[in-house]
Amino acid sequence: MTKHYMLQALNENKESVYIDDVANGKDCNCTCAECGGKLVAKNKGKIKVHHFAHENGNDTIKCSETSLHLLAKKIIVEEKKIPSFVNGQIRFVSVEAVEEEKNLGDIKPDLYAEYNGRPVAIEIYVSHAVDEIKFKKIQNHKLTTFEVDLSKIAFEQKIDVVRTIYNINNIKLIYDEDCVQHYIEQKKMFIMTQGEFKPIENGVVRHCHMKGVVGYGGIVKWRNVSVSICRTCCFGYEVENKNGIFCVGHLKGAVPWWFVQTNISENRFMSLLETNEKLRFFIQRKF
């Protein structure tokens, strides 16, 4: 957990306000969005970072994280720029309006907007990423959703938060129906061009790289597996009329999140829990 400077708070009308937009000291009449405690605005100095502090001195990490979350939402609402999936890539696009915590029934995304007539949700990751429960709700709604990752560094100024939000490397696609189909085709092509072709012999595929066992002298022995296992493995692809499996289980190096999450055998994005398990399995292979 990271402690940030508290740059955002709630005024007497429960509106989200930035540190430099309020009166100094107790005259700011602001409270902490996390604990409800009274705040003091420290925004007149020329050397130290302008920030809010609790009157009672109890500035906790949780309060600072909630303040950052509040600021991030405010920035995106004001900027009216959101991530979107455009021509096979994530891009930032302008929208007419961005709403905070719009009620969609069983889910309230941090931010909600519409682009080209389609709903888009944005989740802000400060201390808690999108979990399994929320992912399933997103998937059930077929709601295009992106996650903005602000968990990696401590922030001292608003401009640093803005730059981090609008850095494409900090944007993670959680779900998009069109994107699923795009990645499915992209994954099939990658496996066919980069993978090893393994014939199916009496319902068995030989030398599975996902099932290696280290034997005497550090020599790895590859197990033979049922073709049914290959058909559900996220690193294989069975092509019609080929009587075999294309497999990329032998490849070394990092694996993109989308590649693991895309399930081509079932035509879907896997849940976060499934994806993490598959990724862990891939990393633990024996070579």
Protein backbone atom coordinates (compact mmCIF):
# COMPACT_ATOMS: atom_id res chain seq x y z
CA MET A 1 0.00 0.00 0.00
CA THR A 2 1.24 3.48 -0.89
CA LYS A 3 0.65 6.70 1.01
CA HIS A 4 -0.04 9.68 -1.25
CA TYR A 5 -0.42 13.36 -0.52
CA MET A 6 -4.11 14.13 -0.05
CA LEU A 7 -4.88 16.39 -3.00
CA GLN A 8 -8.65 15.97 -3.19
CA ALA A 9 -11.40 16.23 -0.58
CA LEU A 10 -15.11 16.96 -0.13
CA ASN A 11 -16.38 20.50 0.56
CA GLU A 12 -19.37 21.41 2.73
CA ASN A 13 -21.68 20.50 -0.16
CA LYS A 14 -20.04 17.05 -0.52
CA GLU A 15 -18.52 18.11 -3.84
CA SER A 16 -15.08 16.86 -4.88
CA VAL A 17 -12.55 19.74 -4.68
CA TYR A 18 -8.85 20.11 -5.41
CA ILE A 19 -6.39 21.47 -2.82
CA ASP A 20 -5.58 24.65 -4.76
CA ASP A 21 -9.26 25.51 -5.27
CA VAL A 22 -10.17 26.01 -1.60
CA ALA A 23 -9.37 28.49 1.17
CA ASN A 24 -6.32 27.87 3.31
CA GLY A 25 -6.40 26.18 6.69
CA LYS A 26 -9.64 25.29 8.44
CA ASP A 27 -11.47 27.82 6.30
CA CYS A 28 -11.55 25.24 3.52
CA ASN A 29 -14.48 23.55 5.33
CA CYS A 30 -13.48 20.22 3.83
CA THR A 31 -13.77 16.66 5.03
CA CYS A 32 -12.05 13.38 4.18
CA ALA A 33 -13.97 11.23 1.70
CA GLU A 34 -12.81 8.08 3.50
CA CYS A 35 -13.26 8.73 7.22
CA GLY A 36 -15.35 11.91 7.22
CA GLY A 37 -12.82 13.69 9.45
CA LYS A 38 -12.28 17.45 9.27
CA LEU A 39 -9.37 18.58 7.12
CA VAL A 40 -6.96 21.49 7.03
CA ALA A 41 -5.84 22.86 3.65
CA LYS A 42 -2.10 23.49 3.42
CA ASN A 43 -1.95 25.40 0.15
CA LYS A 44 -0.13 28.68 0.71
CA GLY A 45 3.48 27.55 0.87
CA LYS A 46 5.98 27.83 -2.00
CA ILE A 47 8.27 24.98 -0.97
CA LYS A 48 6.23 22.08 0.42
CA VAL A 49 3.64 20.17 -1.59
CA HIS A 50 0.13 21.60 -1.25
CA HIS A 51 -2.11 19.03 0.41
CA PHE A 52 -4.92 18.36 2.85
CA ALA A 53 -4.25 17.07 6.35
CA HIS A 54 -6.56 15.85 9.11
CA GLU A 55 -7.15 18.26 11.94
CA ASN A 56 -6.47 15.45 14.40
CA GLY A 57 -3.24 14.49 12.62
CA ASN A 58 -4.50 11.01 11.71
CA ASP A 59 -3.49 10.92 8.04
CA THR A 60 -3.83 7.24 7.14
CA ILE A 61 -2.83 5.40 3.97
CA LYS A 62 -6.46 4.47 3.36
CA CYS A 63 -7.52 8.13 3.47
CA SER A 64 -4.78 9.09 1.02
CA GLU A 65 -5.81 6.30 -1.37
CA THR A 66 -9.44 7.39 -1.31
CA SER A 67 -8.35 10.97 -1.96
CA LEU A 68 -6.37 9.82 -5.03
CA HIS A 69 -9.33 7.79 -6.26
CA LEU A 70 -11.54 10.87 -5.89
CA LEU A 71 -9.05 13.04 -7.79
CA ALA A 72 -8.67 10.55 -10.64
CA LYS A 73 -12.42 10.41 -11.19
CA LYS A 74 -12.64 14.20 -11.15
CA ILE A 75 -9.85 14.52 -13.73
CA ILE A 76 -11.51 12.14 -16.19
CA VAL A 77 -14.91 13.80 -15.70
CA GLU A 78 -13.38 17.20 -16.47
CA GLU A 79 -11.13 16.05 -19.32
CA LYS A 80 -13.93 14.03 -20.99
CA LYS A 81 -11.31 11.70 -22.45
CA ILE A 82 -11.60 7.95 -21.96
CA PRO A 83 -9.86 4.83 -23.26
CA SER A 84 -11.57 2.97 -26.08
CA PHE A 85 -10.84 0.02 -28.35
CA VAL A 86 -10.25 1.49 -31.83
CA ASN A 87 -9.06 -0.51 -34.86
CA GLY A 88 -7.64 -3.26 -32.71
CA GLN A 89 -5.80 -0.95 -30.28
CA ILE A 90 -6.55 0.97 -27.10
CA ARG A 91 -6.77 4.70 -27.79
CA PHE A 92 -7.97 7.74 -25.86
CA VAL A 93 -11.10 9.35 -27.30
CA SER A 94 -13.18 12.42 -26.44
CA VAL A 95 -16.76 12.02 -25.24
CA GLU A 96 -19.60 14.43 -24.48
CA ALA A 97 -19.84 13.58 -20.79
CA VAL A 98 -18.51 11.23 -18.11
CA GLU A 99 -20.67 10.22 -15.14
CA GLU A 100 -19.50 9.03 -11.74
CA GLU A 101 -20.86 5.77 -10.32
CA LYS A 102 -23.84 5.41 -12.66
CA ASN A 103 -26.29 2.83 -11.33
CA LEU A 104 -26.52 -0.06 -13.82
CA GLY A 105 -28.51 -2.33 -11.54
CA ASP A 106 -26.15 -4.79 -9.91
CA ILE A 107 -23.04 -2.76 -10.73
CA LYS A 108 -21.83 0.83 -10.31
CA PRO A 109 -18.66 1.50 -12.31
CA ASP A 110 -16.38 4.26 -11.04
CA LEU A 111 -17.00 6.15 -14.29
CA TYR A 112 -19.44 5.73 -17.16
CA ALA A 113 -19.57 7.28 -20.62
CA GLU A 114 -20.84 6.53 -24.09
CA TYR A 115 -18.73 6.42 -27.24
CA ASN A 116 -20.23 5.83 -30.69
CA GLY A 117 -23.51 5.00 -29.00
CA ARG A 118 -22.01 2.26 -26.82
CA PRO A 119 -21.54 2.29 -23.03
CA VAL A 120 -18.01 2.33 -21.65
CA ALA A 121 -17.01 1.89 -18.00
CA ILE A 122 -13.75 2.94 -16.36
CA GLU A 123 -12.49 1.53 -13.07
CA ILE A 124 -9.78 3.30 -11.07
CA TYR A 125 -7.21 0.96 -9.52
CA VAL A 126 -5.52 2.53 -6.51
CA SER A 127 -5.50 -0.30 -3.97
CA HIS A 128 -8.05 -2.78 -5.34
CA ALA A 129 -8.10 -4.05 -8.92
CA VAL A 130 -11.29 -5.34 -10.56
CA ASP A 131 -12.06 -8.57 -8.72
CA GLU A 132 -13.74 -11.79 -9.79
CA ILE A 133 -17.21 -10.75 -8.63
CA LYS A 134 -17.15 -7.43 -10.48
CA PHE A 135 -15.66 -9.05 -13.59
CA LYS A 136 -18.54 -11.52 -13.82
CA LYS A 137 -21.05 -8.67 -13.54
CA ILE A 138 -19.20 -6.75 -16.27
CA GLN A 139 -19.20 -9.84 -18.46
CA ASN A 140 -22.91 -10.47 -17.87
CA HIS A 141 -23.67 -6.88 -18.93
CA LYS A 142 -21.27 -7.23 -21.88
CA LEU A 143 -20.02 -3.85 -20.69
CA THR A 144 -16.88 -2.49 -22.31
CA THR A 145 -14.63 -1.79 -19.33
CA PHE A 146 -11.12 -0.42 -18.84
CA GLU A 147 -9.04 -0.22 -15.69
CA VAL A 148 -6.70 2.71 -14.96
CA ASP A 149 -3.75 1.58 -12.81
CA LEU A 150 -2.59 4.20 -10.28
CA SER A 151 -1.22 1.67 -7.81
CA LYS A 152 2.47 1.79 -8.71
CA ILE A 153 3.70 5.21 -7.54
CA ALA A 154 3.06 7.88 -4.91
CA PHE A 155 1.63 11.14 -6.21
CA GLU A 156 2.48 14.68 -5.09
CA GLN A 157 0.87 16.82 -7.80
CA LYS A 158 -2.26 16.74 -9.93
CA ILE A 159 -0.27 16.92 -13.17
CA ASP A 160 1.46 13.63 -12.26
CA VAL A 161 -1.92 11.97 -11.83
CA VAL A 162 -3.12 13.35 -15.18
CA ARG A 163 -0.01 12.04 -16.97
CA THR A 164 -0.38 8.62 -15.39
CA ILE A 165 -4.07 8.35 -16.28
CA TYR A 166 -3.39 9.22 -19.91
CA ASN A 167 -0.39 6.94 -20.31
CA ILE A 168 -1.59 4.03 -22.43
CA ASN A 169 0.72 1.67 -20.53
CA ASN A 170 -1.43 2.15 -17.42
CA ILE A 171 -4.65 1.16 -19.16
CA LYS A 172 -5.88 -2.42 -18.99
CA LEU A 173 -8.79 -3.73 -21.00
CA ILE A 174 -11.09 -5.72 -18.72
CA TYR A 175 -13.81 -6.58 -21.23
CA ASP A 176 -15.06 -5.65 -24.69
CA GLU A 177 -17.29 -7.85 -26.84
CA ASP A 178 -15.75 -6.74 -30.15
CA CYS A 179 -12.29 -7.00 -28.67
CA VAL A 180 -12.92 -10.62 -27.67
CA GLN A 181 -13.53 -11.56 -31.30
CA HIS A 182 -10.54 -9.49 -32.47
CA TYR A 183 -8.19 -11.14 -30.00
CA ILE A 184 -9.57 -14.60 -30.77
CA GLU A 185 -8.64 -14.21 -34.45
CA GLN A 186 -5.30 -12.61 -33.55
CA LYS A 187 -4.49 -15.44 -31.16
CA LYS A 188 -5.39 -18.13 -33.70
CA MET A 189 -3.10 -16.52 -36.27
CA PHE A 190 -0.23 -16.19 -33.78
CA ILE A 191 -0.47 -19.83 -32.66
CA MET A 192 -0.61 -21.09 -36.24
CA THR A 193 2.43 -19.05 -37.32
CA GLN A 194 4.57 -19.40 -34.18
CA GLY A 195 3.42 -22.74 -32.83
CA GLU A 196 4.65 -26.28 -33.21
CA PHE A 197 2.33 -28.67 -35.03
CA LYS A 198 1.65 -31.80 -32.97
CA PRO A 199 -0.26 -34.65 -34.65
CA ILE A 200 -3.11 -36.35 -32.83
CA GLU A 201 -2.34 -40.06 -32.54
CA ASN A 202 -5.13 -42.26 -31.19
CA GLY A 203 -6.54 -39.35 -29.22
CA VAL A 204 -3.15 -38.44 -27.74
CA VAL A 205 -0.77 -35.51 -28.30
CA ARG A 206 2.89 -36.23 -27.59
CA HIS A 207 5.43 -34.15 -25.65
CA CYS A 208 3.28 -31.49 -23.97
CA HIS A 209 5.42 -28.53 -22.86
CA MET A 210 2.86 -27.68 -20.20
CA LYS A 211 3.37 -31.06 -18.55
CA GLY A 212 7.16 -31.37 -18.33
CA VAL A 213 8.78 -33.30 -15.47
CA VAL A 214 12.40 -32.78 -14.41
CA GLY A 215 14.11 -36.16 -14.19
CA TYR A 216 17.57 -37.43 -13.25
CA GLY A 217 20.38 -35.04 -14.13
CA GLY A 218 17.96 -32.17 -14.68
CA ILE A 219 16.67 -33.65 -17.93
CA VAL A 220 13.10 -32.69 -18.68
CA LYS A 221 10.73 -35.42 -19.79
CA TRP A 222 7.63 -34.34 -21.66
CA ARG A 223 4.37 -36.11 -20.95
CA ASN A 224 1.87 -37.23 -23.53
CA VAL A 225 -1.63 -35.88 -22.95
CA SER A 226 -5.16 -36.50 -24.12
CA VAL A 227 -6.24 -34.25 -26.98
CA SER A 228 -9.15 -33.13 -24.79
CA ILE A 229 -6.60 -31.34 -22.57
CA CYS A 230 -5.07 -29.57 -25.57
CA ARG A 231 -8.50 -28.44 -26.73
CA THR A 232 -9.06 -26.56 -23.47
CA CYS A 233 -5.47 -25.31 -23.07
CA CYS A 234 -5.06 -21.59 -23.78
CA PHE A 235 -1.74 -22.25 -25.59
CA GLY A 236 -3.06 -24.62 -28.22
CA TYR A 237 -5.35 -24.44 -31.25
CA GLU A 238 -6.89 -27.33 -33.16
CA VAL A 239 -7.44 -26.49 -36.82
CA GLU A 240 -10.17 -28.29 -38.73
CA ASN A 241 -9.01 -30.95 -41.21
CA LYS A 242 -5.46 -30.88 -39.85
CA ASN A 243 -5.76 -33.77 -37.35
CA GLY A 244 -3.38 -32.04 -35.01
CA ILE A 245 -2.78 -29.22 -32.56
CA PHE A 246 -0.74 -26.06 -33.06
CA CYS A 247 0.95 -25.30 -29.73
CA VAL A 248 3.03 -22.37 -28.42
CA GLY A 249 3.75 -23.91 -25.04
CA HIS A 250 7.42 -24.10 -26.00
CA LEU A 251 7.86 -20.33 -26.33
CA LYS A 252 9.86 -18.52 -23.68
CA GLY A 253 9.46 -15.02 -22.30
CA ALA A 254 6.56 -12.90 -21.08
CA VAL A 255 3.03 -13.65 -22.23
CA PRO A 256 0.60 -10.75 -22.87
CA TRP A 257 -2.41 -10.68 -20.54
CA TRP A 258 -4.87 -10.62 -23.45
CA PHE A 259 -3.28 -13.73 -24.95
CA VAL A 260 -3.85 -15.75 -21.80
CA GLN A 261 -7.31 -14.31 -21.12
CA THR A 262 -8.60 -15.08 -24.63
CA ASN A 263 -10.16 -18.53 -24.70
CA ILE A 264 -10.40 -19.57 -28.35
CA SER A 265 -11.92 -22.99 -27.64
CA GLU A 266 -14.94 -21.35 -25.95
CA ASN A 267 -14.95 -18.04 -27.85
CA ARG A 268 -14.73 -15.86 -24.74
CA PHE A 269 -12.57 -13.89 -22.33
CA MET A 270 -11.78 -15.96 -19.24
CA SER A 271 -12.42 -14.61 -15.77
CA LEU A 272 -9.58 -12.92 -13.89
CA LEU A 273 -9.20 -15.93 -11.61
CA GLU A 274 -8.97 -18.34 -14.56
CA THR A 275 -6.48 -16.09 -16.34
CA ASN A 276 -4.21 -15.75 -13.31
CA GLU A 277 -4.23 -19.52 -12.86
CA LYS A 278 -3.33 -20.13 -16.51
CA LEU A 279 -0.59 -17.50 -16.35
CA ARG A 280 0.86 -19.05 -13.19
CA PHE A 281 0.78 -22.47 -14.89
CA PHE A 282 2.63 -21.11 -17.92
CA ILE A 283 5.34 -19.43 -15.83
CA GLN A 284 5.98 -22.65 -13.87
CA ARG A 285 6.74 -24.76 -16.96
CA LYS A 286 9.90 -26.85 -16.98
CA PHE A 287 12.51 -26.41 -19.69
